[in-house]
Amino acid sequence: MVKLAEQAEHYKEMVEYMEKVVGAAGEGEEPTVEEHNLLFVACKNVIAACLVMALIGSLLSILVAIVMPALCFLKISKNKAKPLQIVLGTTIVALGIISAALGTYSAISRIASSY
């Protein structure tokens, strides 16, 4: 079952099967080399998937929740916005872009360090 899950790239299921295999072994028994390698592959791929989700989340959530509303406000209000509103909108956009860049850098560095 573990190898089928690996071939289908269902790594979470692979981890669950391996936990059952390791749990079924008696106390004091070490997993075989093959079991150890399969568990390692499953865990590594689950972690990599989470890191990729962190990368996507850090970039898109900041853009959708912070940057885009401020940009839309600035675009819609054009000449009607007061100077303070323009400054605040521009500041929010700049901070959002900086936050997205830092989150993306953090996620990429964690992905790179996991390999």
PDB file of N, CA and C in Angstrom:
ATOM      1  N   MET A   1       0.819  -1.200   0.000  1.00  0.00           N
ATOM      2  CA  MET A   1       0.000   0.000   0.000  1.00  0.00           C
ATOM      3  C   MET A   1       0.861   1.262   0.000  1.00  0.00           C
ATOM      4  N   VAL A   2       1.976   1.180   0.731  1.00  0.00           N
ATOM      5  CA  VAL A   2       2.841   2.350   0.826  1.00  0.00           C
ATOM      6  C   VAL A   2       3.422   2.699  -0.529  1.00  0.00           C
ATOM      7  N   LYS A   3       3.862   1.678  -1.253  1.00  0.00           N
ATOM      8  CA  LYS A   3       4.460   1.938  -2.560  1.00  0.00           C
ATOM      9  C   LYS A   3       3.418   2.425  -3.566  1.00  0.00           C
ATOM     10  N   LEU A   4       2.183   1.933  -3.448  1.00  0.00           N
ATOM     11  CA  LEU A   4       1.121   2.430  -4.321  1.00  0.00           C
ATOM     12  C   LEU A   4       0.835   3.898  -4.039  1.00  0.00           C
ATOM     13  N   ALA A   5       0.810   4.261  -2.769  1.00  0.00           N
ATOM     14  CA  ALA A   5       0.582   5.662  -2.409  1.00  0.00           C
ATOM     15  C   ALA A   5       1.720   6.536  -2.919  1.00  0.00           C
ATOM     16  N   GLU A   6       2.940   6.011  -2.872  1.00  0.00           N
ATOM     17  CA  GLU A   6       4.084   6.780  -3.378  1.00  0.00           C
ATOM     18  C   GLU A   6       3.969   6.975  -4.883  1.00  0.00           C
ATOM     19  N   GLN A   7       3.606   5.919  -5.597  1.00  0.00           N
ATOM     20  CA  GLN A   7       3.477   6.024  -7.049  1.00  0.00           C
ATOM     21  C   GLN A   7       2.367   6.989  -7.444  1.00  0.00           C
ATOM     22  N   ALA A   8       1.316   7.044  -6.637  1.00  0.00           N
ATOM     23  CA  ALA A   8       0.209   7.953  -6.927  1.00  0.00           C
ATOM     24  C   ALA A   8       0.473   9.353  -6.382  1.00  0.00           C
ATOM     25  N   GLU A   9       1.593   9.527  -5.725  1.00  0.00           N
ATOM     26  CA  GLU A   9       1.999  10.797  -5.121  1.00  0.00           C
ATOM     27  C   GLU A   9       0.993  11.265  -4.073  1.00  0.00           C
ATOM     28  N   HIS A  10       0.447  10.327  -3.321  1.00  0.00           N
ATOM     29  CA  HIS A  10      -0.424  10.613  -2.176  1.00  0.00           C
ATOM     30  C   HIS A  10       0.431  10.473  -0.922  1.00  0.00           C
ATOM     31  N   TYR A  11       1.209  11.503  -0.659  1.00  0.00           N
ATOM     32  CA  TYR A  11       2.216  11.398   0.382  1.00  0.00           C
ATOM     33  C   TYR A  11       1.634  11.402   1.786  1.00  0.00           C
ATOM     34  N   LYS A  12       0.502  12.080   1.988  1.00  0.00           N
ATOM     35  CA  LYS A  12      -0.116  12.048   3.319  1.00  0.00           C
ATOM     36  C   LYS A  12      -0.591  10.643   3.644  1.00  0.00           C
ATOM     37  N   GLU A  13      -1.186   9.965   2.655  1.00  0.00           N
ATOM     38  CA  GLU A  13      -1.608   8.580   2.861  1.00  0.00           C
ATOM     39  C   GLU A  13      -0.392   7.693   3.093  1.00  0.00           C
ATOM     40  N   MET A  14       0.683   7.987   2.406  1.00  0.00           N
ATOM     41  CA  MET A  14       1.912   7.226   2.568  1.00  0.00           C
ATOM     42  C   MET A  14       2.426   7.327   4.004  1.00  0.00           C
ATOM     43  N   VAL A  15       2.377   8.540   4.562  1.00  0.00           N
ATOM     44  CA  VAL A  15       2.807   8.727   5.952  1.00  0.00           C
ATOM     45  C   VAL A  15       1.901   7.944   6.883  1.00  0.00           C
ATOM     46  N   GLU A  16       0.587   7.972   6.639  1.00  0.00           N
ATOM     47  CA  GLU A  16      -0.349   7.234   7.488  1.00  0.00           C
ATOM     48  C   GLU A  16      -0.067   5.736   7.446  1.00  0.00           C
ATOM     49  N   TYR A  17       0.171   5.179   6.252  1.00  0.00           N
ATOM     50  CA  TYR A  17       0.477   3.754   6.141  1.00  0.00           C
ATOM     51  C   TYR A  17       1.774   3.416   6.865  1.00  0.00           C
ATOM     52  N   MET A  18       2.761   4.290   6.722  1.00  0.00           N
ATOM     53  CA  MET A  18       4.046   4.022   7.372  1.00  0.00           C
ATOM     54  C   MET A  18       3.919   4.111   8.889  1.00  0.00           C
ATOM     55  N   GLU A  19       3.079   5.019   9.383  1.00  0.00           N
ATOM     56  CA  GLU A  19       2.866   5.088  10.824  1.00  0.00           C
ATOM     57  C   GLU A  19       2.246   3.794  11.326  1.00  0.00           C
ATOM     58  N   LYS A  20       1.332   3.219  10.540  1.00  0.00           N
ATOM     59  CA  LYS A  20       0.725   1.939  10.914  1.00  0.00           C
ATOM     60  C   LYS A  20       1.770   0.824  10.915  1.00  0.00           C
ATOM     61  N   VAL A  21       2.650   0.830   9.922  1.00  0.00           N
ATOM     62  CA  VAL A  21       3.689  -0.207   9.835  1.00  0.00           C
ATOM     63  C   VAL A  21       4.637  -0.097  11.020  1.00  0.00           C
ATOM     64  N   VAL A  22       5.065   1.111  11.323  1.00  0.00           N
ATOM     65  CA  VAL A  22       5.989   1.314  12.437  1.00  0.00           C
ATOM     66  C   VAL A  22       5.292   1.012  13.761  1.00  0.00           C
ATOM     67  N   GLY A  23       4.021   1.406  13.874  1.00  0.00           N
ATOM     68  CA  GLY A  23       3.272   1.139  15.099  1.00  0.00           C
ATOM     69  C   GLY A  23       3.023  -0.342  15.312  1.00  0.00           C
ATOM     70  N   ALA A  24       2.908  -1.102  14.215  1.00  0.00           N
ATOM     71  CA  ALA A  24       2.662  -2.544  14.322  1.00  0.00           C
ATOM     72  C   ALA A  24       3.917  -3.302  14.762  1.00  0.00           C
ATOM     73  N   ALA A  25       5.055  -2.718  14.544  1.00  0.00           N
ATOM     74  CA  ALA A  25       6.302  -3.367  14.958  1.00  0.00           C
ATOM     75  C   ALA A  25       6.366  -3.372  16.478  1.00  0.00           C
ATOM     76  N   GLY A  26       6.963  -4.390  17.022  1.00  0.00           N
ATOM     77  CA  GLY A  26       7.080  -4.483  18.473  1.00  0.00           C
ATOM     78  C   GLY A  26       8.035  -3.441  19.022  1.00  0.00           C
ATOM     79  N   GLU A  27       7.942  -3.217  20.328  1.00  0.00           N
ATOM     80  CA  GLU A  27       8.840  -2.244  20.955  1.00  0.00           C
ATOM     81  C   GLU A  27      10.275  -2.734  20.850  1.00  0.00           C
ATOM     82  N   GLY A  28      11.146  -1.807  20.594  1.00  0.00           N
ATOM     83  CA  GLY A  28      12.564  -2.138  20.483  1.00  0.00           C
ATOM     84  C   GLY A  28      12.967  -2.581  19.094  1.00  0.00           C
ATOM     85  N   GLU A  29      11.994  -2.849  18.214  1.00  0.00           N
ATOM     86  CA  GLU A  29      12.319  -3.241  16.841  1.00  0.00           C
ATOM     87  C   GLU A  29      12.580  -1.996  16.009  1.00  0.00           C
ATOM     88  N   GLU A  30      13.640  -2.035  15.291  1.00  0.00           N
ATOM     89  CA  GLU A  30      13.986  -0.934  14.400  1.00  0.00           C
ATOM     90  C   GLU A  30      13.323  -1.167  13.040  1.00  0.00           C
ATOM     91  N   PRO A  31      12.877  -0.107  12.375  1.00  0.00           N
ATOM     92  CA  PRO A  31      12.328  -0.291  11.023  1.00  0.00           C
ATOM     93  C   PRO A  31      13.423  -0.723  10.061  1.00  0.00           C
ATOM     94  N   THR A  32      13.019  -1.443   9.038  1.00  0.00           N
ATOM     95  CA  THR A  32      13.999  -1.862   8.035  1.00  0.00           C
ATOM     96  C   THR A  32      14.471  -0.635   7.260  1.00  0.00           C
ATOM     97  N   VAL A  33      15.515  -0.809   6.508  1.00  0.00           N
ATOM     98  CA  VAL A  33      16.052   0.296   5.710  1.00  0.00           C
ATOM     99  C   VAL A  33      15.005   0.765   4.704  1.00  0.00           C
ATOM    100  N   GLU A  34      14.290  -0.174   4.099  1.00  0.00           N
ATOM    101  CA  GLU A  34      13.262   0.199   3.126  1.00  0.00           C
ATOM    102  C   GLU A  34      12.136   0.986   3.796  1.00  0.00           C
ATOM    103  N   GLU A  35      11.695   0.542   4.972  1.00  0.00           N
ATOM    104  CA  GLU A  35      10.648   1.261   5.699  1.00  0.00           C
ATOM    105  C   GLU A  35      11.123   2.658   6.083  1.00  0.00           C
ATOM    106  N   HIS A  36      12.350   2.749   6.532  1.00  0.00           N
ATOM    107  CA  HIS A  36      12.924   4.044   6.904  1.00  0.00           C
ATOM    108  C   HIS A  36      12.965   4.977   5.702  1.00  0.00           C
ATOM    109  N   ASN A  37      13.405   4.471   4.560  1.00  0.00           N
ATOM    110  CA  ASN A  37      13.494   5.302   3.351  1.00  0.00           C
ATOM    111  C   ASN A  37      12.117   5.748   2.873  1.00  0.00           C
ATOM    112  N   LEU A  38      11.133   4.845   2.929  1.00  0.00           N
ATOM    113  CA  LEU A  38       9.778   5.207   2.513  1.00  0.00           C
ATOM    114  C   LEU A  38       9.187   6.274   3.424  1.00  0.00           C
ATOM    115  N   LEU A  39       9.402   6.144   4.717  1.00  0.00           N
ATOM    116  CA  LEU A  39       8.903   7.143   5.659  1.00  0.00           C
ATOM    117  C   LEU A  39       9.577   8.486   5.425  1.00  0.00           C
ATOM    118  N   PHE A  40      10.874   8.470   5.154  1.00  0.00           N
ATOM    119  CA  PHE A  40      11.620   9.697   4.882  1.00  0.00           C
ATOM    120  C   PHE A  40      11.077  10.393   3.637  1.00  0.00           C
ATOM    121  N   VAL A  41      10.843   9.629   2.572  1.00  0.00           N
ATOM    122  CA  VAL A  41      10.321  10.207   1.324  1.00  0.00           C
ATOM    123  C   VAL A  41       8.953  10.819   1.557  1.00  0.00           C
ATOM    124  N   ALA A  42       8.105  10.100   2.284  1.00  0.00           N
ATOM    125  CA  ALA A  42       6.756  10.600   2.543  1.00  0.00           C
ATOM    126  C   ALA A  42       6.800  11.897   3.341  1.00  0.00           C
ATOM    127  N   CYS A  43       7.562  11.923   4.407  1.00  0.00           N
ATOM    128  CA  CYS A  43       7.633  13.119   5.251  1.00  0.00           C
ATOM    129  C   CYS A  43       8.224  14.305   4.496  1.00  0.00           C
ATOM    130  N   LYS A  44       9.259  14.054   3.721  1.00  0.00           N
ATOM    131  CA  LYS A  44       9.907  15.128   2.964  1.00  0.00           C
ATOM    132  C   LYS A  44       8.936  15.747   1.966  1.00  0.00           C
ATOM    133  N   ASN A  45       8.152  14.917   1.304  1.00  0.00           N
ATOM    134  CA  ASN A  45       7.218  15.439   0.316  1.00  0.00           C
ATOM    135  C   ASN A  45       6.033  16.153   0.959  1.00  0.00           C
ATOM    136  N   VAL A  46       5.592  15.701   2.110  1.00  0.00           N
ATOM    137  CA  VAL A  46       4.515  16.400   2.816  1.00  0.00           C
ATOM    138  C   VAL A  46       4.998  17.779   3.260  1.00  0.00           C
ATOM    139  N   ILE A  47       6.210  17.842   3.790  1.00  0.00           N
ATOM    140  CA  ILE A  47       6.776  19.122   4.220  1.00  0.00           C
ATOM    141  C   ILE A  47       6.958  20.057   3.025  1.00  0.00           C
ATOM    142  N   ALA A  48       7.439  19.516   1.898  1.00  0.00           N
ATOM    143  CA  ALA A  48       7.628  20.342   0.703  1.00  0.00           C
ATOM    144  C   ALA A  48       6.291  20.910   0.218  1.00  0.00           C
ATOM    145  N   ALA A  49       5.242  20.101   0.273  1.00  0.00           N
ATOM    146  CA  ALA A  49       3.927  20.586  -0.148  1.00  0.00           C
ATOM    147  C   ALA A  49       3.454  21.721   0.759  1.00  0.00           C
ATOM    148  N   CYS A  50       3.707  21.598   2.048  1.00  0.00           N
ATOM    149  CA  CYS A  50       3.315  22.655   2.984  1.00  0.00           C
ATOM    150  C   CYS A  50       4.101  23.938   2.726  1.00  0.00           C
ATOM    151  N   LEU A  51       5.375  23.795   2.396  1.00  0.00           N
ATOM    152  CA  LEU A  51       6.185  24.975   2.128  1.00  0.00           C
ATOM    153  C   LEU A  51       5.740  25.680   0.849  1.00  0.00           C
ATOM    154  N   VAL A  52       5.357  24.913  -0.146  1.00  0.00           N
ATOM    155  CA  VAL A  52       4.864  25.514  -1.384  1.00  0.00           C
ATOM    156  C   VAL A  52       3.552  26.252  -1.109  1.00  0.00           C
ATOM    157  N   MET A  53       2.706  25.669  -0.259  1.00  0.00           N
ATOM    158  CA  MET A  53       1.471  26.351   0.113  1.00  0.00           C
ATOM    159  C   MET A  53       1.774  27.635   0.872  1.00  0.00           C
ATOM    160  N   ALA A  54       2.817  27.634   1.690  1.00  0.00           N
ATOM    161  CA  ALA A  54       3.210  28.853   2.403  1.00  0.00           C
ATOM    162  C   ALA A  54       3.674  29.923   1.411  1.00  0.00           C
ATOM    163  N   LEU A  55       4.395  29.496   0.400  1.00  0.00           N
ATOM    164  CA  LEU A  55       4.856  30.432  -0.628  1.00  0.00           C
ATOM    165  C   LEU A  55       3.668  31.078  -1.345  1.00  0.00           C
ATOM    166  N   ILE A  56       2.744  30.260  -1.780  1.00  0.00           N
ATOM    167  CA  ILE A  56       1.577  30.774  -2.494  1.00  0.00           C
ATOM    168  C   ILE A  56       0.733  31.646  -1.570  1.00  0.00           C
ATOM    169  N   GLY A  57       0.544  31.183  -0.347  1.00  0.00           N
ATOM    170  CA  GLY A  57      -0.270  31.927   0.606  1.00  0.00           C
ATOM    171  C   GLY A  57       0.313  33.273   0.960  1.00  0.00           C
ATOM    172  N   SER A  58       1.616  33.314   1.174  1.00  0.00           N
ATOM    173  CA  SER A  58       2.226  34.586   1.574  1.00  0.00           C
ATOM    174  C   SER A  58       2.136  35.607   0.453  1.00  0.00           C
ATOM    175  N   LEU A  59       2.277  35.170  -0.757  1.00  0.00           N
ATOM    176  CA  LEU A  59       2.234  36.106  -1.878  1.00  0.00           C
ATOM    177  C   LEU A  59       0.803  36.527  -2.209  1.00  0.00           C
ATOM    178  N   LEU A  60      -0.055  35.551  -2.410  1.00  0.00           N
ATOM    179  CA  LEU A  60      -1.403  35.870  -2.873  1.00  0.00           C
ATOM    180  C   LEU A  60      -2.283  36.504  -1.804  1.00  0.00           C
ATOM    181  N   SER A  61      -2.174  36.046  -0.574  1.00  0.00           N
ATOM    182  CA  SER A  61      -3.053  36.606   0.455  1.00  0.00           C
ATOM    183  C   SER A  61      -2.750  38.077   0.712  1.00  0.00           C
ATOM    184  N   ILE A  62      -1.493  38.440   0.711  1.00  0.00           N
ATOM    185  CA  ILE A  62      -1.133  39.854   0.899  1.00  0.00           C
ATOM    186  C   ILE A  62      -1.619  40.683  -0.293  1.00  0.00           C
ATOM    187  N   LEU A  63      -1.424  40.156  -1.492  1.00  0.00           N
ATOM    188  CA  LEU A  63      -1.843  40.911  -2.671  1.00  0.00           C
ATOM    189  C   LEU A  63      -3.360  41.102  -2.713  1.00  0.00           C
ATOM    190  N   VAL A  64      -4.098  40.025  -2.404  1.00  0.00           N
ATOM    191  CA  VAL A  64      -5.553  40.098  -2.499  1.00  0.00           C
ATOM    192  C   VAL A  64      -6.156  40.890  -1.345  1.00  0.00           C
ATOM    193  N   ALA A  65      -5.624  40.722  -0.144  1.00  0.00           N
ATOM    194  CA  ALA A  65      -6.250  41.331   1.035  1.00  0.00           C
ATOM    195  C   ALA A  65      -5.775  42.752   1.316  1.00  0.00           C
ATOM    196  N   ILE A  66      -4.578  43.106   0.911  1.00  0.00           N
ATOM    197  CA  ILE A  66      -4.029  44.410   1.291  1.00  0.00           C
ATOM    198  C   ILE A  66      -3.737  45.292   0.077  1.00  0.00           C
ATOM    199  N   VAL A  67      -2.981  44.786  -0.862  1.00  0.00           N
ATOM    200  CA  VAL A  67      -2.513  45.622  -1.972  1.00  0.00           C
ATOM    201  C   VAL A  67      -3.641  45.979  -2.942  1.00  0.00           C
ATOM    202  N   MET A  68      -4.403  44.974  -3.380  1.00  0.00           N
ATOM    203  CA  MET A  68      -5.437  45.235  -4.385  1.00  0.00           C
ATOM    204  C   MET A  68      -6.522  46.212  -3.910  1.00  0.00           C
ATOM    205  N   PRO A  69      -7.045  46.096  -2.673  1.00  0.00           N
ATOM    206  CA  PRO A  69      -8.048  47.089  -2.258  1.00  0.00           C
ATOM    207  C   PRO A  69      -7.501  48.515  -2.254  1.00  0.00           C
ATOM    208  N   ALA A  70      -6.281  48.685  -1.801  1.00  0.00           N
ATOM    209  CA  ALA A  70      -5.697  50.034  -1.783  1.00  0.00           C
ATOM    210  C   ALA A  70      -5.483  50.555  -3.201  1.00  0.00           C
ATOM    211  N   LEU A  71      -5.009  49.685  -4.091  1.00  0.00           N
ATOM    212  CA  LEU A  71      -4.832  50.104  -5.482  1.00  0.00           C
ATOM    213  C   LEU A  71      -6.171  50.450  -6.135  1.00  0.00           C
ATOM    214  N   CYS A  72      -7.189  49.656  -5.853  1.00  0.00           N
ATOM    215  CA  CYS A  72      -8.519  49.938  -6.406  1.00  0.00           C
ATOM    216  C   CYS A  72      -9.042  51.279  -5.898  1.00  0.00           C
ATOM    217  N   PHE A  73      -8.848  51.523  -4.610  1.00  0.00           N
ATOM    218  CA  PHE A  73      -9.287  52.805  -4.050  1.00  0.00           C
ATOM    219  C   PHE A  73      -8.580  53.955  -4.753  1.00  0.00           C
ATOM    220  N   LEU A  74      -7.271  53.841  -4.911  1.00  0.00           N
ATOM    221  CA  LEU A  74      -6.513  54.918  -5.561  1.00  0.00           C
ATOM    222  C   LEU A  74      -6.948  55.097  -7.009  1.00  0.00           C
ATOM    223  N   LYS A  75      -7.224  53.993  -7.691  1.00  0.00           N
ATOM    224  CA  LYS A  75      -7.635  54.071  -9.096  1.00  0.00           C
ATOM    225  C   LYS A  75      -9.033  54.675  -9.234  1.00  0.00           C
ATOM    226  N   ILE A  76      -9.956  54.261  -8.360  1.00  0.00           N
ATOM    227  CA  ILE A  76     -11.334  54.749  -8.447  1.00  0.00           C
ATOM    228  C   ILE A  76     -11.431  56.226  -8.065  1.00  0.00           C
ATOM    229  N   SER A  77     -10.734  56.593  -6.999  1.00  0.00           N
ATOM    230  CA  SER A  77     -10.861  57.964  -6.504  1.00  0.00           C
ATOM    231  C   SER A  77     -10.037  58.978  -7.286  1.00  0.00           C
ATOM    232  N   LYS A  78      -9.045  58.555  -8.013  1.00  0.00           N
ATOM    233  CA  LYS A  78      -8.154  59.390  -8.827  1.00  0.00           C
ATOM    234  C   LYS A  78      -7.975  60.802  -8.274  1.00  0.00           C
ATOM    235  N   ASN A  79      -8.631  61.781  -8.882  1.00  0.00           N
ATOM    236  CA  ASN A  79      -8.447  63.190  -8.507  1.00  0.00           C
ATOM    237  C   ASN A  79      -9.303  63.614  -7.316  1.00  0.00           C
ATOM    238  N   LYS A  80     -10.238  62.751  -6.895  1.00  0.00           N
ATOM    239  CA  LYS A  80     -11.147  63.113  -5.817  1.00  0.00           C
ATOM    240  C   LYS A  80     -10.544  62.858  -4.437  1.00  0.00           C
ATOM    241  N   ALA A  81      -9.521  62.023  -4.371  1.00  0.00           N
ATOM    242  CA  ALA A  81      -8.930  61.666  -3.081  1.00  0.00           C
ATOM    243  C   ALA A  81      -8.153  62.841  -2.511  1.00  0.00           C
ATOM    244  N   LYS A  82      -8.217  62.944  -1.203  1.00  0.00           N
ATOM    245  CA  LYS A  82      -7.462  63.985  -0.508  1.00  0.00           C
ATOM    246  C   LYS A  82      -6.000  63.538  -0.436  1.00  0.00           C
ATOM    247  N   PRO A  83      -5.085  64.488  -0.267  1.00  0.00           N
ATOM    248  CA  PRO A  83      -3.664  64.128  -0.202  1.00  0.00           C
ATOM    249  C   PRO A  83      -3.360  63.089   0.885  1.00  0.00           C
ATOM    250  N   LEU A  84      -4.004  63.197   2.034  1.00  0.00           N
ATOM    251  CA  LEU A  84      -3.773  62.225   3.104  1.00  0.00           C
ATOM    252  C   LEU A  84      -4.205  60.825   2.673  1.00  0.00           C
ATOM    253  N   GLN A  85      -5.329  60.726   1.960  1.00  0.00           N
ATOM    254  CA  GLN A  85      -5.801  59.432   1.477  1.00  0.00           C
ATOM    255  C   GLN A  85      -4.826  58.829   0.455  1.00  0.00           C
ATOM    256  N   ILE A  86      -4.289  59.671  -0.386  1.00  0.00           N
ATOM    257  CA  ILE A  86      -3.315  59.199  -1.377  1.00  0.00           C
ATOM    258  C   ILE A  86      -2.054  58.685  -0.686  1.00  0.00           C
ATOM    259  N   VAL A  87      -1.589  59.445   0.297  1.00  0.00           N
ATOM    260  CA  VAL A  87      -0.386  59.032   1.036  1.00  0.00           C
ATOM    261  C   VAL A  87      -0.642  57.712   1.768  1.00  0.00           C
ATOM    262  N   LEU A  88      -1.789  57.611   2.446  1.00  0.00           N
ATOM    263  CA  LEU A  88      -2.103  56.383   3.172  1.00  0.00           C
ATOM    264  C   LEU A  88      -2.261  55.196   2.222  1.00  0.00           C
ATOM    265  N   GLY A  89      -2.938  55.414   1.110  1.00  0.00           N
ATOM    266  CA  GLY A  89      -3.117  54.341   0.131  1.00  0.00           C
ATOM    267  C   GLY A  89      -1.789  53.875  -0.444  1.00  0.00           C
ATOM    268  N   THR A  90      -0.933  54.824  -0.785  1.00  0.00           N
ATOM    269  CA  THR A  90       0.387  54.486  -1.320  1.00  0.00           C
ATOM    270  C   THR A  90       1.232  53.766  -0.270  1.00  0.00           C
ATOM    271  N   THR A  91       1.143  54.205   0.973  1.00  0.00           N
ATOM    272  CA  THR A  91       1.880  53.551   2.062  1.00  0.00           C
ATOM    273  C   THR A  91       1.404  52.119   2.253  1.00  0.00           C
ATOM    274  N   ILE A  92       0.091  51.918   2.223  1.00  0.00           N
ATOM    275  CA  ILE A  92      -0.449  50.563   2.375  1.00  0.00           C
ATOM    276  C   ILE A  92       0.028  49.663   1.240  1.00  0.00           C
ATOM    277  N   VAL A  93       0.010  50.180   0.018  1.00  0.00           N
ATOM    278  CA  VAL A  93       0.490  49.399  -1.127  1.00  0.00           C
ATOM    279  C   VAL A  93       1.966  49.050  -0.956  1.00  0.00           C
ATOM    280  N   ALA A  94       2.773  50.029  -0.574  1.00  0.00           N
ATOM    281  CA  ALA A  94       4.214  49.791  -0.412  1.00  0.00           C
ATOM    282  C   ALA A  94       4.478  48.766   0.693  1.00  0.00           C
ATOM    283  N   LEU A  95       3.810  48.934   1.842  1.00  0.00           N
ATOM    284  CA  LEU A  95       4.009  47.968   2.936  1.00  0.00           C
ATOM    285  C   LEU A  95       3.523  46.578   2.546  1.00  0.00           C
ATOM    286  N   GLY A  96       2.420  46.515   1.789  1.00  0.00           N
ATOM    287  CA  GLY A  96       1.914  45.220   1.325  1.00  0.00           C
ATOM    288  C   GLY A  96       2.891  44.530   0.400  1.00  0.00           C
ATOM    289  N   ILE A  97       3.474  45.295  -0.505  1.00  0.00           N
ATOM    290  CA  ILE A  97       4.453  44.708  -1.437  1.00  0.00           C
ATOM    291  C   ILE A  97       5.698  44.252  -0.682  1.00  0.00           C
ATOM    292  N   ILE A  98       6.147  45.036   0.278  1.00  0.00           N
ATOM    293  CA  ILE A  98       7.303  44.640   1.089  1.00  0.00           C
ATOM    294  C   ILE A  98       6.986  43.373   1.877  1.00  0.00           C
ATOM    295  N   SER A  99       5.793  43.313   2.477  1.00  0.00           N
ATOM    296  CA  SER A  99       5.401  42.128   3.239  1.00  0.00           C
ATOM    297  C   SER A  99       5.321  40.901   2.344  1.00  0.00           C
ATOM    298  N   ALA A 100       4.747  41.051   1.154  1.00  0.00           N
ATOM    299  CA  ALA A 100       4.664  39.936   0.218  1.00  0.00           C
ATOM    300  C   ALA A 100       6.051  39.468  -0.197  1.00  0.00           C
ATOM    301  N   ALA A 101       6.945  40.420  -0.440  1.00  0.00           N
ATOM    302  CA  ALA A 101       8.314  40.060  -0.829  1.00  0.00           C
ATOM    303  C   ALA A 101       9.030  39.325   0.302  1.00  0.00           C
ATOM    304  N   LEU A 102       8.878  39.799   1.535  1.00  0.00           N
ATOM    305  CA  LEU A 102       9.519  39.134   2.669  1.00  0.00           C
ATOM    306  C   LEU A 102       8.944  37.742   2.908  1.00  0.00           C
ATOM    307  N   GLY A 103       7.620  37.609   2.804  1.00  0.00           N
ATOM    308  CA  GLY A 103       6.994  36.300   2.966  1.00  0.00           C
ATOM    309  C   GLY A 103       7.426  35.331   1.881  1.00  0.00           C
ATOM    310  N   THR A 104       7.513  35.830   0.658  1.00  0.00           N
ATOM    311  CA  THR A 104       7.958  34.991  -0.453  1.00  0.00           C
ATOM    312  C   THR A 104       9.413  34.577  -0.264  1.00  0.00           C
ATOM    313  N   TYR A 105      10.253  35.509   0.141  1.00  0.00           N
ATOM    314  CA  TYR A 105      11.662  35.192   0.387  1.00  0.00           C
ATOM    315  C   TYR A 105      11.788  34.151   1.495  1.00  0.00           C
ATOM    316  N   SER A 106      11.024  34.324   2.572  1.00  0.00           N
ATOM    317  CA  SER A 106      11.075  33.386   3.687  1.00  0.00           C
ATOM    318  C   SER A 106      10.661  31.986   3.239  1.00  0.00           C
ATOM    319  N   ALA A 107       9.579  31.889   2.477  1.00  0.00           N
ATOM    320  CA  ALA A 107       9.115  30.587   2.007  1.00  0.00           C
ATOM    321  C   ALA A 107      10.122  29.948   1.052  1.00  0.00           C
ATOM    322  N   ILE A 108      10.681  30.740   0.152  1.00  0.00           N
ATOM    323  CA  ILE A 108      11.661  30.196  -0.793  1.00  0.00           C
ATOM    324  C   ILE A 108      12.916  29.729  -0.062  1.00  0.00           C
ATOM    325  N   SER A 109      13.359  30.482   0.924  1.00  0.00           N
ATOM    326  CA  SER A 109      14.555  30.066   1.662  1.00  0.00           C
ATOM    327  C   SER A 109      14.306  28.779   2.447  1.00  0.00           C
ATOM    328  N   ARG A 110      13.077  28.609   3.001  1.00  0.00           N
ATOM    329  CA  ARG A 110      12.769  27.355   3.700  1.00  0.00           C
ATOM    330  C   ARG A 110      12.678  26.192   2.720  1.00  0.00           C
ATOM    331  N   ILE A 111      12.129  26.437   1.520  1.00  0.00           N
ATOM    332  CA  ILE A 111      12.078  25.394   0.516  1.00  0.00           C
ATOM    333  C   ILE A 111      13.491  25.001   0.105  1.00  0.00           C
ATOM    334  N   ALA A 112      14.337  25.985  -0.135  1.00  0.00           N
ATOM    335  CA  ALA A 112      15.721  25.700  -0.547  1.00  0.00           C
ATOM    336  C   ALA A 112      16.494  24.966   0.551  1.00  0.00           C
ATOM    337  N   SER A 113      16.254  25.321   1.804  1.00  0.00           N
ATOM    338  CA  SER A 113      17.001  24.664   2.888  1.00  0.00           C
ATOM    339  C   SER A 113      16.511  23.250   3.147  1.00  0.00           C
ATOM    340  N   SER A 114      15.274  22.935   2.715  1.00  0.00           N
ATOM    341  CA  SER A 114      14.774  21.578   2.932  1.00  0.00           C
ATOM    342  C   SER A 114      15.322  20.607   1.908  1.00  0.00           C
ATOM    343  N   TYR A 115      15.936  21.113   0.852  1.00  0.00           N
ATOM    344  CA  TYR A 115      16.519  20.222  -0.157  1.00  0.00           C
ATOM    345  C   TYR A 115      17.981  20.253  -0.032  1.00  0.00           C
TER     346      TYR A 115
END
